[in-house]
Amino acid sequence: MDVHRVEITNHSDRRQLMNFVKRCNPQPRKVIIVHGESSRCLDLASSIHKTFRIETVAPKNLEVIRIK
């Protein structure tokens, strides 16, 4: 399994994050949003899914995600 961690400055806004995902080559198979207000994380995850057809997750605090 290949796992990649990308750190983006906390000053990145929504537009910059969407452009980052757009420029990824190859396109990620899954995006996990783990930082920010819950409603904003869900909104960003939804936008990424709708725009790029990538599986997205915005887990709640203490929620477990299986990565395989």
PDB file of N, CA and C in Angstrom:
ATOM      1  N   MET A   1       0.849  -1.157   0.000  1.00  0.00           N
ATOM      2  CA  MET A   1       0.000   0.000   0.000  1.00  0.00           C
ATOM      3  C   MET A   1       0.901   1.227   0.000  1.00  0.00           C
ATOM      4  N   ASP A   2       0.601   2.158  -0.859  1.00  0.00           N
ATOM      5  CA  ASP A   2       1.298   3.436  -0.878  1.00  0.00           C
ATOM      6  C   ASP A   2       0.424   4.463  -0.165  1.00  0.00           C
ATOM      7  N   VAL A   3       0.988   5.101   0.824  1.00  0.00           N
ATOM      8  CA  VAL A   3       0.291   6.161   1.540  1.00  0.00           C
ATOM      9  C   VAL A   3       1.117   7.418   1.398  1.00  0.00           C
ATOM     10  N   HIS A   4       0.475   8.489   0.986  1.00  0.00           N
ATOM     11  CA  HIS A   4       1.175   9.758   0.818  1.00  0.00           C
ATOM     12  C   HIS A   4       0.554  10.786   1.738  1.00  0.00           C
ATOM     13  N   ARG A   5       1.396  11.523   2.381  1.00  0.00           N
ATOM     14  CA  ARG A   5       0.936  12.594   3.254  1.00  0.00           C
ATOM     15  C   ARG A   5       1.414  13.906   2.650  1.00  0.00           C
ATOM     16  N   VAL A   6       0.496  14.807   2.483  1.00  0.00           N
ATOM     17  CA  VAL A   6       0.823  16.110   1.915  1.00  0.00           C
ATOM     18  C   VAL A   6       0.440  17.158   2.943  1.00  0.00           C
ATOM     19  N   GLU A   7       1.390  17.971   3.311  1.00  0.00           N
ATOM     20  CA  GLU A   7       1.090  19.044   4.250  1.00  0.00           C
ATOM     21  C   GLU A   7       0.910  20.343   3.482  1.00  0.00           C
ATOM     22  N   ILE A   8      -0.182  20.999   3.769  1.00  0.00           N
ATOM     23  CA  ILE A   8      -0.500  22.274   3.131  1.00  0.00           C
ATOM     24  C   ILE A   8      -0.628  23.293   4.248  1.00  0.00           C
ATOM     25  N   THR A   9      -0.114  24.463   4.025  1.00  0.00           N
ATOM     26  CA  THR A   9      -0.180  25.497   5.046  1.00  0.00           C
ATOM     27  C   THR A   9      -1.621  25.755   5.473  1.00  0.00           C
ATOM     28  N   ASN A  10      -1.792  26.085   6.728  1.00  0.00           N
ATOM     29  CA  ASN A  10      -3.145  26.358   7.209  1.00  0.00           C
ATOM     30  C   ASN A  10      -3.692  27.666   6.655  1.00  0.00           C
ATOM     31  N   HIS A  11      -2.916  28.333   5.847  1.00  0.00           N
ATOM     32  CA  HIS A  11      -3.380  29.566   5.220  1.00  0.00           C
ATOM     33  C   HIS A  11      -3.988  29.307   3.856  1.00  0.00           C
ATOM     34  N   SER A  12      -3.990  28.053   3.401  1.00  0.00           N
ATOM     35  CA  SER A  12      -4.597  27.731   2.113  1.00  0.00           C
ATOM     36  C   SER A  12      -6.109  27.893   2.218  1.00  0.00           C
ATOM     37  N   ASP A  13      -6.692  28.533   1.215  1.00  0.00           N
ATOM     38  CA  ASP A  13      -8.144  28.682   1.233  1.00  0.00           C
ATOM     39  C   ASP A  13      -8.781  27.601   0.363  1.00  0.00           C
ATOM     40  N   ARG A  14     -10.081  27.612   0.320  1.00  0.00           N
ATOM     41  CA  ARG A  14     -10.829  26.588  -0.413  1.00  0.00           C
ATOM     42  C   ARG A  14     -10.401  26.509  -1.872  1.00  0.00           C
ATOM     43  N   ARG A  15     -10.270  27.652  -2.519  1.00  0.00           N
ATOM     44  CA  ARG A  15      -9.877  27.692  -3.933  1.00  0.00           C
ATOM     45  C   ARG A  15      -8.519  27.039  -4.127  1.00  0.00           C
ATOM     46  N   GLN A  16      -7.568  27.349  -3.264  1.00  0.00           N
ATOM     47  CA  GLN A  16      -6.230  26.768  -3.371  1.00  0.00           C
ATOM     48  C   GLN A  16      -6.266  25.255  -3.156  1.00  0.00           C
ATOM     49  N   LEU A  17      -7.074  24.794  -2.206  1.00  0.00           N
ATOM     50  CA  LEU A  17      -7.182  23.358  -1.963  1.00  0.00           C
ATOM     51  C   LEU A  17      -7.827  22.637  -3.144  1.00  0.00           C
ATOM     52  N   MET A  18      -8.852  23.233  -3.729  1.00  0.00           N
ATOM     53  CA  MET A  18      -9.493  22.629  -4.903  1.00  0.00           C
ATOM     54  C   MET A  18      -8.514  22.590  -6.085  1.00  0.00           C
ATOM     55  N   ASN A  19      -7.742  23.651  -6.265  1.00  0.00           N
ATOM     56  CA  ASN A  19      -6.742  23.670  -7.341  1.00  0.00           C
ATOM     57  C   ASN A  19      -5.657  22.635  -7.095  1.00  0.00           C
ATOM     58  N   PHE A  20      -5.286  22.426  -5.841  1.00  0.00           N
ATOM     59  CA  PHE A  20      -4.287  21.416  -5.516  1.00  0.00           C
ATOM     60  C   PHE A  20      -4.776  20.031  -5.938  1.00  0.00           C
ATOM     61  N   VAL A  21      -6.010  19.709  -5.578  1.00  0.00           N
ATOM     62  CA  VAL A  21      -6.567  18.403  -5.948  1.00  0.00           C
ATOM     63  C   VAL A  21      -6.636  18.276  -7.465  1.00  0.00           C
ATOM     64  N   LYS A  22      -7.023  19.344  -8.129  1.00  0.00           N
ATOM     65  CA  LYS A  22      -7.123  19.334  -9.599  1.00  0.00           C
ATOM     66  C   LYS A  22      -5.772  19.033 -10.251  1.00  0.00           C
ATOM     67  N   ARG A  23      -4.690  19.555  -9.680  1.00  0.00           N
ATOM     68  CA  ARG A  23      -3.353  19.395 -10.268  1.00  0.00           C
ATOM     69  C   ARG A  23      -2.688  18.067  -9.926  1.00  0.00           C
ATOM     70  N   CYS A  24      -3.246  17.312  -8.992  1.00  0.00           N
ATOM     71  CA  CYS A  24      -2.627  16.038  -8.603  1.00  0.00           C
ATOM     72  C   CYS A  24      -2.566  15.095  -9.799  1.00  0.00           C
ATOM     73  N   ASN A  25      -1.401  14.530  -9.992  1.00  0.00           N
ATOM     74  CA  ASN A  25      -1.215  13.572 -11.076  1.00  0.00           C
ATOM     75  C   ASN A  25      -0.338  12.439 -10.571  1.00  0.00           C
ATOM     76  N   PRO A  26      -0.868  11.259 -10.412  1.00  0.00           N
ATOM     77  CA  PRO A  26      -2.221  10.850 -10.773  1.00  0.00           C
ATOM     78  C   PRO A  26      -3.234  11.364  -9.754  1.00  0.00           C
ATOM     79  N   GLN A  27      -4.479  11.379 -10.169  1.00  0.00           N
ATOM     80  CA  GLN A  27      -5.548  11.840  -9.294  1.00  0.00           C
ATOM     81  C   GLN A  27      -5.682  10.884  -8.116  1.00  0.00           C
ATOM     82  N   PRO A  28      -5.847  11.415  -6.911  1.00  0.00           N
ATOM     83  CA  PRO A  28      -5.999  10.526  -5.744  1.00  0.00           C
ATOM     84  C   PRO A  28      -7.278   9.707  -5.836  1.00  0.00           C
ATOM     85  N   ARG A  29      -7.237   8.520  -5.238  1.00  0.00           N
ATOM     86  CA  ARG A  29      -8.437   7.683  -5.199  1.00  0.00           C
ATOM     87  C   ARG A  29      -9.317   8.028  -4.014  1.00  0.00           C
ATOM     88  N   LYS A  30      -8.713   8.640  -2.989  1.00  0.00           N
ATOM     89  CA  LYS A  30      -9.473   8.977  -1.784  1.00  0.00           C
ATOM     90  C   LYS A  30      -8.855  10.217  -1.147  1.00  0.00           C
ATOM     91  N   VAL A  31      -9.695  11.116  -0.670  1.00  0.00           N
ATOM     92  CA  VAL A  31      -9.242  12.318   0.030  1.00  0.00           C
ATOM     93  C   VAL A  31      -9.897  12.318   1.408  1.00  0.00           C
ATOM     94  N   ILE A  32      -9.087  12.528   2.431  1.00  0.00           N
ATOM     95  CA  ILE A  32      -9.588  12.585   3.799  1.00  0.00           C
ATOM     96  C   ILE A  32      -9.343  13.993   4.332  1.00  0.00           C
ATOM     97  N   ILE A  33     -10.410  14.683   4.680  1.00  0.00           N
ATOM     98  CA  ILE A  33     -10.327  16.049   5.198  1.00  0.00           C
ATOM     99  C   ILE A  33     -10.361  15.962   6.720  1.00  0.00           C
ATOM    100  N   VAL A  34      -9.283  16.394   7.379  1.00  0.00           N
ATOM    101  CA  VAL A  34      -9.179  16.180   8.823  1.00  0.00           C
ATOM    102  C   VAL A  34      -8.929  17.441   9.647  1.00  0.00           C
ATOM    103  N   HIS A  35      -8.998  18.606   9.046  1.00  0.00           N
ATOM    104  CA  HIS A  35      -8.699  19.801   9.821  1.00  0.00           C
ATOM    105  C   HIS A  35      -9.682  20.900   9.461  1.00  0.00           C
ATOM    106  N   GLY A  36     -10.310  21.466  10.475  1.00  0.00           N
ATOM    107  CA  GLY A  36     -11.231  22.573  10.257  1.00  0.00           C
ATOM    108  C   GLY A  36     -12.553  22.323  10.953  1.00  0.00           C
ATOM    109  N   GLU A  37     -13.438  23.301  10.849  1.00  0.00           N
ATOM    110  CA  GLU A  37     -14.773  23.161  11.419  1.00  0.00           C
ATOM    111  C   GLU A  37     -15.506  22.044  10.687  1.00  0.00           C
ATOM    112  N   SER A  38     -16.286  21.287  11.418  1.00  0.00           N
ATOM    113  CA  SER A  38     -16.977  20.123  10.861  1.00  0.00           C
ATOM    114  C   SER A  38     -17.780  20.466   9.610  1.00  0.00           C
ATOM    115  N   SER A  39     -18.564  21.527   9.665  1.00  0.00           N
ATOM    116  CA  SER A  39     -19.414  21.881   8.519  1.00  0.00           C
ATOM    117  C   SER A  39     -18.582  22.254   7.301  1.00  0.00           C
ATOM    118  N   ARG A  40     -17.461  22.925   7.530  1.00  0.00           N
ATOM    119  CA  ARG A  40     -16.599  23.317   6.405  1.00  0.00           C
ATOM    120  C   ARG A  40     -15.858  22.120   5.823  1.00  0.00           C
ATOM    121  N   CYS A  41     -15.467  21.192   6.682  1.00  0.00           N
ATOM    122  CA  CYS A  41     -14.823  19.957   6.199  1.00  0.00           C
ATOM    123  C   CYS A  41     -15.789  19.169   5.328  1.00  0.00           C
ATOM    124  N   LEU A  42     -17.036  19.036   5.799  1.00  0.00           N
ATOM    125  CA  LEU A  42     -18.043  18.316   5.021  1.00  0.00           C
ATOM    126  C   LEU A  42     -18.315  19.005   3.688  1.00  0.00           C
ATOM    127  N   ASP A  43     -18.367  20.323   3.707  1.00  0.00           N
ATOM    128  CA  ASP A  43     -18.613  21.079   2.481  1.00  0.00           C
ATOM    129  C   ASP A  43     -17.471  20.903   1.486  1.00  0.00           C
ATOM    130  N   LEU A  44     -16.232  20.976   1.962  1.00  0.00           N
ATOM    131  CA  LEU A  44     -15.079  20.788   1.075  1.00  0.00           C
ATOM    132  C   LEU A  44     -15.053  19.367   0.527  1.00  0.00           C
ATOM    133  N   ALA A  45     -15.297  18.384   1.380  1.00  0.00           N
ATOM    134  CA  ALA A  45     -15.325  16.990   0.934  1.00  0.00           C
ATOM    135  C   ALA A  45     -16.398  16.785  -0.135  1.00  0.00           C
ATOM    136  N   SER A  46     -17.553  17.366   0.075  1.00  0.00           N
ATOM    137  CA  SER A  46     -18.643  17.257  -0.892  1.00  0.00           C
ATOM    138  C   SER A  46     -18.264  17.903  -2.223  1.00  0.00           C
ATOM    139  N   SER A  47     -17.643  19.063  -2.171  1.00  0.00           N
ATOM    140  CA  SER A  47     -17.234  19.760  -3.395  1.00  0.00           C
ATOM    141  C   SER A  47     -16.185  18.964  -4.171  1.00  0.00           C
ATOM    142  N   ILE A  48     -15.229  18.393  -3.454  1.00  0.00           N
ATOM    143  CA  ILE A  48     -14.202  17.583  -4.122  1.00  0.00           C
ATOM    144  C   ILE A  48     -14.851  16.378  -4.785  1.00  0.00           C
ATOM    145  N   HIS A  49     -15.764  15.723  -4.082  1.00  0.00           N
ATOM    146  CA  HIS A  49     -16.439  14.560  -4.651  1.00  0.00           C
ATOM    147  C   HIS A  49     -17.242  14.929  -5.896  1.00  0.00           C
ATOM    148  N   LYS A  50     -18.014  15.996  -5.815  1.00  0.00           N
ATOM    149  CA  LYS A  50     -18.859  16.405  -6.939  1.00  0.00           C
ATOM    150  C   LYS A  50     -18.041  16.866  -8.136  1.00  0.00           C
ATOM    151  N   THR A  51     -16.967  17.590  -7.879  1.00  0.00           N
ATOM    152  CA  THR A  51     -16.169  18.158  -8.964  1.00  0.00           C
ATOM    153  C   THR A  51     -15.267  17.133  -9.631  1.00  0.00           C
ATOM    154  N   PHE A  52     -14.612  16.299  -8.827  1.00  0.00           N
ATOM    155  CA  PHE A  52     -13.589  15.410  -9.368  1.00  0.00           C
ATOM    156  C   PHE A  52     -13.962  13.929  -9.320  1.00  0.00           C
ATOM    157  N   ARG A  53     -15.126  13.599  -8.756  1.00  0.00           N
ATOM    158  CA  ARG A  53     -15.557  12.204  -8.616  1.00  0.00           C
ATOM    159  C   ARG A  53     -14.533  11.361  -7.874  1.00  0.00           C
ATOM    160  N   ILE A  54     -14.017  11.935  -6.783  1.00  0.00           N
ATOM    161  CA  ILE A  54     -13.060  11.254  -5.915  1.00  0.00           C
ATOM    162  C   ILE A  54     -13.785  10.928  -4.615  1.00  0.00           C
ATOM    163  N   GLU A  55     -13.567   9.717  -4.101  1.00  0.00           N
ATOM    164  CA  GLU A  55     -14.137   9.360  -2.805  1.00  0.00           C
ATOM    165  C   GLU A  55     -13.551  10.286  -1.744  1.00  0.00           C
ATOM    166  N   THR A  56     -14.400  10.859  -0.920  1.00  0.00           N
ATOM    167  CA  THR A  56     -13.943  11.778   0.120  1.00  0.00           C
ATOM    168  C   THR A  56     -14.539  11.398   1.469  1.00  0.00           C
ATOM    169  N   VAL A  57     -13.813  11.727   2.513  1.00  0.00           N
ATOM    170  CA  VAL A  57     -14.253  11.465   3.879  1.00  0.00           C
ATOM    171  C   VAL A  57     -13.888  12.671   4.734  1.00  0.00           C
ATOM    172  N   ALA A  58     -14.815  13.071   5.591  1.00  0.00           N
ATOM    173  CA  ALA A  58     -14.564  14.118   6.585  1.00  0.00           C
ATOM    174  C   ALA A  58     -14.963  13.529   7.929  1.00  0.00           C
ATOM    175  N   PRO A  59     -14.060  12.778   8.556  1.00  0.00           N
ATOM    176  CA  PRO A  59     -14.419  12.061   9.782  1.00  0.00           C
ATOM    177  C   PRO A  59     -14.691  12.990  10.962  1.00  0.00           C
ATOM    178  N   LYS A  60     -15.546  12.521  11.840  1.00  0.00           N
ATOM    179  CA  LYS A  60     -15.806  13.243  13.084  1.00  0.00           C
ATOM    180  C   LYS A  60     -14.688  12.944  14.071  1.00  0.00           C
ATOM    181  N   ASN A  61     -14.586  13.724  15.124  1.00  0.00           N
ATOM    182  CA  ASN A  61     -13.593  13.477  16.156  1.00  0.00           C
ATOM    183  C   ASN A  61     -13.726  12.046  16.671  1.00  0.00           C
ATOM    184  N   LEU A  62     -12.594  11.367  16.800  1.00  0.00           N
ATOM    185  CA  LEU A  62     -12.495  10.003  17.295  1.00  0.00           C
ATOM    186  C   LEU A  62     -13.087   8.940  16.370  1.00  0.00           C
ATOM    187  N   GLU A  63     -13.544   9.323  15.183  1.00  0.00           N
ATOM    188  CA  GLU A  63     -14.059   8.349  14.224  1.00  0.00           C
ATOM    189  C   GLU A  63     -12.872   7.581  13.615  1.00  0.00           C
ATOM    190  N   VAL A  64     -13.044   6.301  13.440  1.00  0.00           N
ATOM    191  CA  VAL A  64     -11.993   5.454  12.894  1.00  0.00           C
ATOM    192  C   VAL A  64     -12.239   5.270  11.404  1.00  0.00           C
ATOM    193  N   ILE A  65     -11.150   5.370  10.631  1.00  0.00           N
ATOM    194  CA  ILE A  65     -11.221   5.152   9.182  1.00  0.00           C
ATOM    195  C   ILE A  65     -10.277   4.029   8.821  1.00  0.00           C
ATOM    196  N   ARG A  66     -10.778   3.056   8.114  1.00  0.00           N
ATOM    197  CA  ARG A  66      -9.939   1.952   7.650  1.00  0.00           C
ATOM    198  C   ARG A  66      -9.303   2.355   6.317  1.00  0.00           C
ATOM    199  N   ILE A  67      -7.993   2.299   6.274  1.00  0.00           N
ATOM    200  CA  ILE A  67      -7.252   2.614   5.052  1.00  0.00           C
ATOM    201  C   ILE A  67      -6.691   1.318   4.502  1.00  0.00           C
ATOM    202  N   LYS A  68      -7.056   1.005   3.288  1.00  0.00           N
ATOM    203  CA  LYS A  68      -6.519  -0.225   2.704  1.00  0.00           C
ATOM    204  C   LYS A  68      -6.029   0.012   1.314  1.00  0.00           C
TER     205      LYS A  68
END
